[in-house]
């Protein structure tokens, strides 16, 4: 779901010419390779990606990379805003527009063709009318995310992707299904294929794919991040879902999913920098110092509560460490990130990649940090709940808002 950023509705009411420059982009973007005075490693241009220099004064080493021919000619903030208002990404599949409605009402209440239309629809509380319209809406959603990334991202100074096999890296987050009882991969046959940078896993009943859309520094920590489109669909039904996810990688470490760092609706630069300050100040956690949360996880296999311990280290809002529980006592590696109120952890329980995804909320109350949410095993629909606590760091969470 696209996040409703404060101020996006202004763009629905103002003409494109009045919006020029609001996205915080430089006005003289050029395609990499022109005489912009910035040299970048040529190998960083990956198959199907276009390098764009949005700000010629940006001293980052790695260029911004985007997938899609219609982004290659962007020449400044005016062009970003113009595409956001005029480009019709779903033209080939839904030329009349995507039908949006407000449940439980039925029928179309608005036709969406552009990213600006989508912003208006979300302001009105409208969503795609059915599964088919969800599929038609996906190109609009991804186009909005890429344009929003271009409006706020910087060239990265460091990269965990530049010298890596990106396809192999992302195969870790598109593994075979996992058997929940034994925590082993299932015997169900599925095939993993790749085309360019896109990965696809196909089984008899399900198709799942990951496609990189954008490379650049999204959160201001100097490291290269990747925006991907993650799609799932049933082969024998109309179900289709598309999710936009962001990942980073520090050095040669595992992929880390970035929580709440996918921009949408061309966020104001000042607004995004305020959020960067929270991440870069580590959301009040002591940087590079291990902390342990203790609590219970309620497994839906037996509906019993199990003792849980999560020992993690955090820097720039990124997390890595291990978890143990009385049902699975061996330490299992985890990596993820926090936003101001939410978090996500990828559980690396097997050598070939992710075994489960932990998504949770967190709050700071009465001297304790409380993390609460669910754990979903790859390939499963049931979620195991968990609730864990630790003493809060000395600095109150509320004090971070002014940073």
Protein backbone atom coordinates (compact mmCIF):
# COMPACT_ATOMS: atom_id res chain seq x y z
CA UNK A 1 0.00 0.00 0.00
CA UNK A 2 1.30 3.45 -0.88
CA UNK A 3 1.84 5.59 2.20
CA UNK A 4 -0.18 8.82 2.40
CA UNK A 5 2.51 11.44 2.97
CA UNK A 6 1.60 14.79 4.46
CA UNK A 7 1.19 17.41 1.79
CA UNK A 8 0.69 15.09 -1.21
CA UNK A 9 -2.85 16.39 -1.72
CA UNK A 10 -1.44 19.83 -2.58
CA UNK A 11 -0.07 18.30 -5.77
CA UNK A 12 -3.55 17.14 -6.75
CA UNK A 13 -4.83 20.71 -6.69
CA UNK A 14 -1.89 22.61 -8.20
CA UNK A 15 -1.02 22.65 -11.92
CA UNK A 16 2.27 21.00 -12.98
CA UNK A 17 3.98 24.32 -13.69
CA UNK A 18 3.41 25.42 -10.08
CA UNK A 19 4.91 22.21 -8.79
CA UNK A 20 8.30 22.58 -10.45
CA UNK A 21 11.04 22.41 -7.87
CA UNK A 22 8.83 21.18 -4.99
CA UNK A 23 10.31 17.69 -5.15
CA UNK A 24 13.71 18.97 -4.07
CA UNK A 25 15.50 17.96 -7.27
CA UNK A 26 18.13 19.94 -9.09
CA UNK A 27 16.86 21.64 -12.22
CA UNK A 28 19.63 20.44 -14.50
CA UNK A 29 19.57 16.64 -14.47
CA UNK A 30 21.45 14.88 -17.26
CA UNK A 31 21.89 11.30 -18.29
CA UNK A 32 25.13 9.85 -16.96
CA UNK A 33 27.83 9.85 -19.56
CA UNK A 34 27.34 13.50 -20.51
CA UNK A 35 29.87 16.11 -19.50
CA UNK A 36 28.59 16.44 -15.96
CA UNK A 37 32.01 16.28 -14.32
CA UNK A 38 31.02 13.26 -12.25
CA UNK A 39 32.69 9.95 -13.02
CA UNK A 40 31.02 6.70 -11.97
CA UNK A 41 32.11 3.11 -12.36
CA UNK A 42 30.75 1.98 -15.72
CA UNK A 43 30.00 -1.50 -14.37
CA UNK A 44 27.40 0.07 -12.06
CA UNK A 45 25.02 0.41 -15.03
CA UNK A 46 23.19 -2.91 -14.80
CA UNK A 47 21.12 -4.67 -17.49
CA UNK A 48 17.89 -2.83 -18.19
CA UNK A 49 18.84 0.12 -15.95
CA UNK A 50 19.47 3.72 -16.99
CA UNK A 51 21.88 6.00 -15.10
CA UNK A 52 20.54 9.50 -14.44
CA UNK A 53 22.34 12.42 -12.80
CA UNK A 54 19.69 14.43 -11.00
CA UNK A 55 22.04 16.79 -9.17
CA UNK A 56 25.39 17.49 -10.89
CA UNK A 57 26.81 18.76 -7.57
CA UNK A 58 26.17 15.40 -5.88
CA UNK A 59 29.58 13.91 -5.05
CA UNK A 60 28.37 10.34 -4.46
CA UNK A 61 30.31 7.65 -6.29
CA UNK A 62 27.46 5.44 -7.58
CA UNK A 63 24.90 6.83 -10.03
CA UNK A 64 21.14 6.73 -9.61
CA UNK A 65 19.85 3.84 -11.70
CA UNK A 66 16.25 3.44 -12.90
CA UNK A 67 14.46 0.72 -14.88
CA UNK A 68 12.24 1.93 -17.73
CA UNK A 69 12.80 3.78 -20.97
CA UNK A 70 10.43 6.60 -20.03
CA UNK A 71 12.74 7.61 -17.14
CA UNK A 72 15.92 7.77 -19.21
CA UNK A 73 15.26 11.26 -20.59
CA UNK A 74 14.52 12.98 -17.29
CA UNK A 75 16.27 16.36 -17.33
CA UNK A 76 15.34 17.93 -14.00
CA UNK A 77 12.64 18.35 -11.40
CA UNK A 78 10.21 19.77 -13.96
CA UNK A 79 10.44 16.52 -15.94
CA UNK A 80 9.87 14.39 -12.83
CA UNK A 81 6.73 16.34 -11.95
CA UNK A 82 5.57 16.37 -15.58
CA UNK A 83 5.79 12.59 -15.82
CA UNK A 84 4.00 12.23 -12.47
CA UNK A 85 1.11 14.27 -13.86
CA UNK A 86 0.94 13.03 -17.45
CA UNK A 87 2.46 9.55 -17.88
CA UNK A 88 -0.13 6.75 -18.14
CA UNK A 89 1.77 3.61 -17.11
CA UNK A 90 -1.24 1.28 -17.45
CA UNK A 91 -2.16 2.48 -20.95
CA UNK A 92 -1.34 -0.83 -22.65
CA UNK A 93 -3.42 -3.01 -20.29
CA UNK A 94 -6.16 -0.60 -19.20
CA UNK A 95 -6.45 2.27 -21.72
CA UNK A 96 -9.62 3.66 -20.12
CA UNK A 97 -8.01 3.80 -16.69
CA UNK A 98 -8.02 1.69 -13.53
CA UNK A 99 -11.39 1.43 -11.78
CA UNK A 100 -11.19 2.53 -8.13
CA UNK A 101 -13.85 2.16 -5.46
CA UNK A 102 -14.50 2.60 -1.75
CA UNK A 103 -15.39 -0.69 -0.08
CA UNK A 104 -18.00 -1.93 0.68
CA UNK A 105 -19.38 0.02 -2.26
CA UNK A 106 -19.29 -1.71 -5.63
CA UNK A 107 -18.66 -0.33 -9.07
CA UNK A 108 -16.18 2.27 -10.21
CA UNK A 109 -16.10 5.63 -8.46
CA UNK A 110 -13.03 6.98 -10.25
CA UNK A 111 -10.82 6.12 -13.20
CA UNK A 112 -7.09 6.40 -12.49
CA UNK A 113 -4.57 6.85 -15.30
CA UNK A 114 -1.66 8.84 -13.85
CA UNK A 115 0.27 9.03 -10.58
CA UNK A 116 -1.53 12.29 -9.82
CA UNK A 117 -4.85 10.50 -10.30
CA UNK A 118 -3.69 7.80 -7.87
CA UNK A 119 -2.87 10.43 -5.24
CA UNK A 120 -6.37 11.89 -5.59
CA UNK A 121 -7.90 8.42 -5.31
CA UNK A 122 -6.02 7.59 -2.12
CA UNK A 123 -6.99 10.95 -0.63
CA UNK A 124 -10.60 9.93 -1.22
CA UNK A 125 -10.06 6.52 0.35
CA UNK A 126 -10.40 4.63 -2.95
CA UNK A 127 -8.65 1.38 -3.90
CA UNK A 128 -8.66 -0.85 -7.01
CA UNK A 129 -12.14 -2.32 -7.44
CA UNK A 130 -11.14 -6.00 -7.77
CA UNK A 131 -8.20 -8.35 -8.29
CA UNK A 132 -7.99 -7.58 -12.00
CA UNK A 133 -7.87 -3.84 -11.31
CA UNK A 134 -5.15 -4.46 -8.69
CA UNK A 135 -3.00 -5.96 -11.45
CA UNK A 136 -3.77 -3.02 -13.77
CA UNK A 137 -2.89 -0.54 -11.00
CA UNK A 138 0.56 -2.02 -10.31
CA UNK A 139 2.42 -0.06 -13.08
CA UNK A 140 1.01 3.22 -11.75
CA UNK A 141 2.09 2.35 -8.22
CA UNK A 142 5.62 1.44 -9.29
CA UNK A 143 5.98 4.53 -11.51
CA UNK A 144 4.97 6.78 -8.62
CA UNK A 145 7.55 5.09 -6.37
CA UNK A 146 10.39 5.46 -8.92
CA UNK A 147 9.61 9.14 -9.55
CA UNK A 148 9.41 9.71 -5.81
CA UNK A 149 12.79 8.01 -5.36
CA UNK A 150 14.31 10.29 -7.99
CA UNK A 151 12.92 13.31 -6.15
CA UNK A 152 14.62 12.58 -2.81
CA UNK A 153 17.52 10.13 -3.33
CA UNK A 154 21.23 10.87 -3.48
CA UNK A 155 24.09 9.14 -5.25
CA UNK A 156 25.51 6.52 -2.87
CA UNK A 157 29.04 6.86 -1.51
CA UNK A 158 29.31 3.16 -0.63
CA UNK A 159 27.67 0.07 -2.08
CA UNK A 160 27.09 -3.52 -1.09
CA UNK A 161 25.63 -4.20 -4.54
CA UNK A 162 28.20 -2.83 -6.98
CA UNK A 163 30.56 -5.82 -6.98
CA UNK A 164 27.87 -8.40 -6.16
CA UNK A 165 25.64 -10.63 -8.26
CA UNK A 166 22.32 -8.86 -7.67
CA UNK A 167 20.28 -11.78 -9.02
CA UNK A 168 22.00 -14.20 -6.67
CA UNK A 169 21.52 -11.83 -3.73
CA UNK A 170 17.78 -11.51 -4.28
CA UNK A 171 17.35 -15.24 -4.73
CA UNK A 172 17.77 -15.33 -0.93
CA UNK A 173 14.45 -13.48 -0.49
CA UNK A 174 12.69 -15.61 -3.10
CA UNK A 175 13.51 -19.12 -1.76
CA UNK A 176 11.43 -22.30 -1.96
CA UNK A 177 8.62 -22.58 0.58
CA UNK A 178 9.48 -23.61 4.12
CA UNK A 179 7.90 -26.43 6.13
CA UNK A 180 6.77 -24.81 9.38
CA UNK A 181 7.09 -27.89 11.59
CA UNK A 182 10.62 -28.97 10.60
CA UNK A 183 11.86 -25.55 9.34
CA UNK A 184 13.16 -27.26 6.20
CA UNK A 185 12.40 -26.43 2.59
CA UNK A 186 9.31 -28.19 1.24
CA UNK A 187 9.47 -30.87 -1.43
CA UNK A 188 7.07 -28.90 -3.61
CA UNK A 189 8.60 -28.43 -7.06
CA UNK A 190 9.27 -24.84 -8.08
CA UNK A 191 11.58 -23.32 -10.65
CA UNK A 192 13.67 -20.18 -10.20
CA UNK A 193 14.43 -18.29 -13.42
CA UNK A 194 15.93 -14.90 -14.22
CA UNK A 195 15.73 -12.41 -17.05
CA UNK A 196 18.10 -9.48 -16.73
CA UNK A 197 17.79 -8.48 -13.08
CA UNK A 198 14.27 -9.90 -12.67
CA UNK A 199 13.83 -13.12 -10.69
CA UNK A 200 10.78 -15.37 -10.91
CA UNK A 201 9.82 -18.47 -8.92
CA UNK A 202 7.08 -20.57 -10.48
CA UNK A 203 5.20 -23.53 -9.04
CA UNK A 204 2.04 -25.31 -10.13
CA UNK A 205 -0.21 -22.90 -8.23
CA UNK A 206 1.85 -19.76 -7.62
CA UNK A 207 4.11 -17.27 -9.39
CA UNK A 208 6.28 -14.86 -7.43
CA UNK A 209 8.76 -12.34 -8.85
CA UNK A 210 11.17 -9.63 -7.75
CA UNK A 211 12.27 -6.86 -10.14
CA UNK A 212 14.73 -4.08 -9.19
CA UNK A 213 13.39 -0.66 -10.14
CA UNK A 214 15.83 1.83 -8.64
CA UNK A 215 19.34 2.00 -7.14
CA UNK A 216 20.39 4.96 -4.98
CA UNK A 217 20.76 6.21 -1.41
CA UNK A 218 17.18 6.53 -0.14
CA UNK A 219 17.76 7.15 3.56
CA UNK A 220 20.79 9.44 3.61
CA UNK A 221 23.24 7.03 5.26
CA UNK A 222 25.62 7.02 2.26
CA UNK A 223 24.93 3.37 1.34
CA UNK A 224 23.26 2.24 -1.87
CA UNK A 225 19.67 1.01 -1.50
CA UNK A 226 17.44 -0.85 -3.96
CA UNK A 227 13.73 -0.41 -4.63
CA UNK A 228 12.11 -3.61 -5.92
CA UNK A 229 8.69 -4.61 -7.18
CA UNK A 230 7.59 -7.85 -5.49
CA UNK A 231 4.64 -9.48 -7.27
CA UNK A 232 2.63 -12.58 -6.42
CA UNK A 233 -0.19 -14.19 -8.38
CA UNK A 234 -2.17 -17.41 -8.40
CA UNK A 235 -1.91 -19.49 -11.57
CA UNK A 236 -5.45 -20.87 -11.29
CA UNK A 237 -7.28 -17.83 -9.89
CA UNK A 238 -7.47 -14.05 -10.29
CA UNK A 239 -5.45 -13.20 -7.17
CA UNK A 240 -2.66 -10.70 -7.78
CA UNK A 241 -0.67 -8.54 -5.35
CA UNK A 242 2.20 -6.12 -5.87
CA UNK A 243 4.32 -4.76 -3.04
CA UNK A 244 7.10 -2.19 -3.24
CA UNK A 245 10.01 -3.07 -0.96
CA UNK A 246 13.37 -1.42 -0.32
CA UNK A 247 16.60 -3.21 0.63
CA UNK A 248 20.14 -2.28 1.52
CA UNK A 249 23.37 -4.18 2.14
CA UNK A 250 26.35 -3.17 4.21
CA UNK A 251 29.61 -4.53 2.78
CA UNK A 252 29.32 -8.28 2.20
CA UNK A 253 26.53 -8.80 4.72
CA UNK A 254 23.01 -10.13 4.09
CA UNK A 255 20.19 -8.20 2.47
CA UNK A 256 18.43 -5.92 4.95
CA UNK A 257 14.87 -4.86 4.27
CA UNK A 258 14.23 -1.17 4.91
CA UNK A 259 11.09 -0.48 6.91
CA UNK A 260 8.92 2.44 5.76
CA UNK A 261 11.56 3.86 3.43
CA UNK A 262 9.67 3.60 0.11
CA UNK A 263 8.64 7.16 -0.83
CA UNK A 264 5.42 7.97 -2.63
CA UNK A 265 3.50 10.95 -4.03
CA UNK A 266 6.68 13.05 -4.47
CA UNK A 267 7.35 13.82 -0.80
CA UNK A 268 8.76 17.23 0.03
CA UNK A 269 12.53 17.12 0.46
CA UNK A 270 12.33 18.80 3.88
CA UNK A 271 9.81 16.24 5.10
CA UNK A 272 12.00 13.33 3.94
CA UNK A 273 15.12 14.82 5.54
CA UNK A 274 13.28 14.95 8.88
CA UNK A 275 12.65 11.23 8.61
CA UNK A 276 16.30 10.65 7.66
CA UNK A 277 17.33 12.40 10.88
CA UNK A 278 15.35 9.86 12.89
CA UNK A 279 16.95 6.90 11.09
CA UNK A 280 20.46 8.33 11.23
CA UNK A 281 20.10 9.03 14.96
CA UNK A 282 19.19 5.35 15.37
CA UNK A 283 15.69 6.09 16.72
CA UNK A 284 17.06 6.52 20.24
CA UNK A 285 18.78 3.13 20.45
CA UNK A 286 22.43 3.07 21.50
CA UNK A 287 24.43 2.55 18.28
CA UNK A 288 26.67 -0.49 17.84
CA UNK A 289 25.73 -1.87 21.24
CA UNK A 290 23.94 -5.21 21.61
CA UNK A 291 20.56 -5.24 23.34
CA UNK A 292 18.25 -8.15 24.18
CA UNK A 293 14.47 -8.27 24.07
CA UNK A 294 12.78 -11.05 26.02
CA UNK A 295 9.21 -12.25 25.77
CA UNK A 296 7.03 -14.92 24.22
CA UNK A 297 6.14 -16.11 20.75
CA UNK A 298 2.79 -17.83 20.28
CA UNK A 299 3.12 -20.54 17.64
CA UNK A 300 -0.08 -21.18 15.66
CA UNK A 301 1.02 -24.80 15.20
CA UNK A 302 0.28 -25.68 18.81
CA UNK A 303 -1.18 -22.40 20.17
CA UNK A 304 1.39 -22.48 22.96
CA UNK A 305 3.59 -19.65 24.10
CA UNK A 306 7.34 -20.15 23.87
CA UNK A 307 10.09 -18.18 25.54
CA UNK A 308 11.72 -15.79 23.07
CA UNK A 309 14.98 -13.87 23.15
CA UNK A 310 16.21 -11.51 20.42
CA UNK A 311 19.76 -10.17 20.73
CA UNK A 312 20.35 -7.40 18.22
CA UNK A 313 22.68 -4.53 17.37
CA UNK A 314 21.46 -1.37 15.68
CA UNK A 315 23.04 1.46 13.69
CA UNK A 316 21.21 4.02 11.50
CA UNK A 317 18.00 2.19 12.35
CA UNK A 318 19.34 -1.04 10.82
CA UNK A 319 19.27 -4.25 12.87
CA UNK A 320 21.27 -7.47 12.86
CA UNK A 321 21.65 -10.29 15.38
CA UNK A 322 20.03 -13.57 16.38
CA UNK A 323 16.88 -14.96 17.95
CA UNK A 324 16.24 -18.07 20.01
CA UNK A 325 13.07 -19.57 21.42
CA UNK A 326 12.27 -22.63 23.51
CA UNK A 327 10.78 -24.34 20.44
CA UNK A 328 13.86 -23.61 18.26
CA UNK A 329 16.78 -23.12 20.70
CA UNK A 330 19.59 -22.75 18.14
CA UNK A 331 20.53 -19.12 17.39
CA UNK A 332 19.03 -18.01 14.08
CA UNK A 333 20.42 -14.99 12.23
CA UNK A 334 18.17 -11.98 11.63
CA UNK A 335 18.57 -8.65 9.83
CA UNK A 336 16.15 -5.79 9.36
CA UNK A 337 15.32 -2.20 10.26
CA UNK A 338 13.11 0.13 12.24
CA UNK A 339 10.98 3.14 11.43
CA UNK A 340 9.51 5.48 14.04
CA UNK A 341 6.75 3.03 15.00
CA UNK A 342 7.30 -0.13 12.95
CA UNK A 343 9.96 -2.70 12.18
CA UNK A 344 10.78 -5.63 9.94
CA UNK A 345 13.25 -8.50 10.34
CA UNK A 346 14.24 -11.17 7.84
CA UNK A 347 15.00 -14.49 9.48
CA UNK A 348 17.87 -16.38 7.84
CA UNK A 349 17.24 -19.84 9.27
CA UNK A 350 18.73 -21.84 6.37
CA UNK A 351 21.89 -21.35 4.28
CA UNK A 352 19.95 -20.66 1.06
CA UNK A 353 18.13 -17.61 2.37
CA UNK A 354 15.16 -16.23 4.25
CA UNK A 355 12.93 -18.61 6.20
CA UNK A 356 10.49 -16.13 7.75
CA UNK A 357 9.56 -12.45 7.88
CA UNK A 358 8.90 -10.70 11.19
CA UNK A 359 6.78 -7.54 10.94
CA UNK A 360 5.96 -5.62 14.07
CA UNK A 361 5.11 -2.40 15.80
CA UNK A 362 7.18 -0.93 18.61
CA UNK A 363 6.61 1.66 21.28
CA UNK A 364 8.40 3.19 24.24
CA UNK A 365 6.36 3.27 27.45
CA UNK A 366 7.07 3.36 31.19
CA UNK A 367 10.77 2.74 30.81
CA UNK A 368 10.47 -0.19 28.40
CA UNK A 369 10.59 -0.71 24.64
CA UNK A 370 7.87 -3.12 23.58
CA UNK A 371 8.00 -4.96 20.26
CA UNK A 372 4.84 -6.77 19.17
CA UNK A 373 3.71 -8.32 15.91
CA UNK A 374 3.88 -11.48 13.87
CA UNK A 375 6.18 -13.95 12.14
CA UNK A 376 5.22 -15.47 8.79
CA UNK A 377 7.13 -18.44 7.42
CA UNK A 378 8.01 -18.21 3.72
CA UNK A 379 5.22 -19.85 1.73
CA UNK A 380 2.77 -19.85 4.62
CA UNK A 381 -0.26 -17.70 5.39
CA UNK A 382 -0.50 -18.23 9.16
CA UNK A 383 1.31 -15.80 11.43
CA UNK A 384 2.87 -16.60 14.78
CA UNK A 385 2.47 -13.73 17.22
CA UNK A 386 5.22 -12.38 19.47
CA UNK A 387 5.58 -9.85 22.27
CA UNK A 388 8.96 -8.82 23.72
CA UNK A 389 10.33 -6.13 26.04
CA UNK A 390 13.62 -4.51 26.98
CA UNK A 391 14.54 -1.54 29.19
CA UNK A 392 14.44 1.69 27.18
CA UNK A 393 17.66 3.58 26.48
CA UNK A 394 18.17 6.75 28.49
CA UNK A 395 17.00 9.03 25.72
CA UNK A 396 13.18 9.31 25.41
CA UNK A 397 11.73 8.59 21.98
CA UNK A 398 9.82 11.89 22.03
CA UNK A 399 13.06 13.88 22.12
CA UNK A 400 14.03 12.59 18.67
CA UNK A 401 11.25 14.49 16.89
CA UNK A 402 13.21 17.72 17.04
CA UNK A 403 16.40 16.27 15.54
